[in-house]
Amino acid sequence: MYHLILFYFQTICKWHLNFIVKGGVTESIADFIQGRAALTVGSAHYLNKVQQAKKEYLKIIGMFSL
C-alpha cells in the first residue's frame, strides 16, 4: 500500500511540474514551488523566490478549470 501511495505522489508531482513549466513558469521557480533545493548559492540566498513564484504562478492560474 505504501508503494502505491508513493507512486501516486510522485506521478502528481511530475504532472504538476510539467503543467507549470508548459504554462510558462521558469524551471528554477517551478523547482522552488515544489520545494526543491536551489542549485547555486545565488539562487538560494540572493533572489527573492517568493516574489518571483507569485508572479510566475499568476501566469498559469487561468489554466485551472473550476
Protein backbone atom coordinates (compact mmCIF):
# COMPACT_ATOMS: atom_id res chain seq x y z
CA MET A 1 0.00 0.00 0.00
CA TYR A 2 2.83 2.42 0.89
CA HIS A 3 4.47 1.92 -2.52
CA LEU A 4 1.19 2.64 -4.29
CA ILE A 5 0.70 5.90 -2.39
CA LEU A 6 4.31 6.94 -3.07
CA PHE A 7 3.81 6.16 -6.77
CA TYR A 8 0.73 8.39 -6.94
CA PHE A 9 2.51 11.21 -5.12
CA GLN A 10 5.49 11.07 -7.49
CA THR A 11 3.17 10.95 -10.50
CA ILE A 12 1.23 14.01 -9.31
CA CYS A 13 4.48 15.90 -8.67
CA LYS A 14 5.77 15.12 -12.15
CA TRP A 15 2.45 16.11 -13.71
CA HIS A 16 2.38 19.39 -11.76
CA LEU A 17 5.96 20.25 -12.74
CA ASN A 18 5.23 19.61 -16.43
CA PHE A 19 1.98 21.57 -16.20
CA ILE A 20 3.52 24.70 -14.72
CA VAL A 21 6.59 24.65 -16.97
CA LYS A 22 4.38 24.31 -20.06
CA GLY A 23 2.38 27.22 -18.69
CA GLY A 24 5.41 29.48 -18.84
CA VAL A 25 6.90 29.21 -15.35
CA THR A 26 10.69 29.00 -15.39
CA GLU A 27 12.20 25.73 -14.21
CA SER A 28 14.05 27.29 -11.28
CA ILE A 29 10.85 28.83 -9.94
CA ALA A 30 8.93 25.60 -10.60
CA ASP A 31 11.53 23.76 -8.52
CA PHE A 32 11.12 26.34 -5.76
CA ILE A 33 7.32 25.99 -5.82
CA GLN A 34 7.70 22.23 -5.42
CA GLY A 35 10.15 22.63 -2.55
CA ARG A 36 13.35 21.52 -4.26
CA ALA A 37 16.69 22.93 -3.10
CA ALA A 38 18.40 25.63 -5.15
CA LEU A 39 21.50 24.52 -7.04
CA THR A 40 23.55 27.69 -6.76
CA VAL A 41 24.42 29.99 -3.88
CA GLY A 42 23.00 32.99 -5.72
CA SER A 43 19.65 31.40 -6.34
CA ALA A 44 19.48 30.08 -2.80
CA HIS A 45 20.32 33.31 -0.97
CA TYR A 46 20.13 36.39 -3.15
CA LEU A 47 16.98 36.03 -5.20
CA ASN A 48 13.56 36.76 -3.82
CA LYS A 49 12.00 33.45 -4.80
CA VAL A 50 8.68 34.06 -3.06
CA GLN A 51 8.01 37.23 -5.07
CA GLN A 52 9.10 35.54 -8.29
CA ALA A 53 6.97 32.47 -7.57
CA LYS A 54 3.86 34.59 -7.02
CA LYS A 55 4.45 36.45 -10.28
CA GLU A 56 5.14 33.27 -12.26
CA TYR A 57 2.22 31.34 -10.77
CA LEU A 58 -0.18 34.05 -11.94
CA LYS A 59 0.76 33.05 -15.49
CA ILE A 60 -0.87 29.64 -15.12
CA ILE A 61 -3.70 30.28 -12.68
CA GLY A 62 -6.09 30.78 -15.58
CA MET A 63 -5.30 27.29 -16.88
CA PHE A 64 -7.06 25.68 -13.90
CA SER A 65 -10.67 24.88 -14.67
CA LEU A 66 -13.04 25.35 -11.78
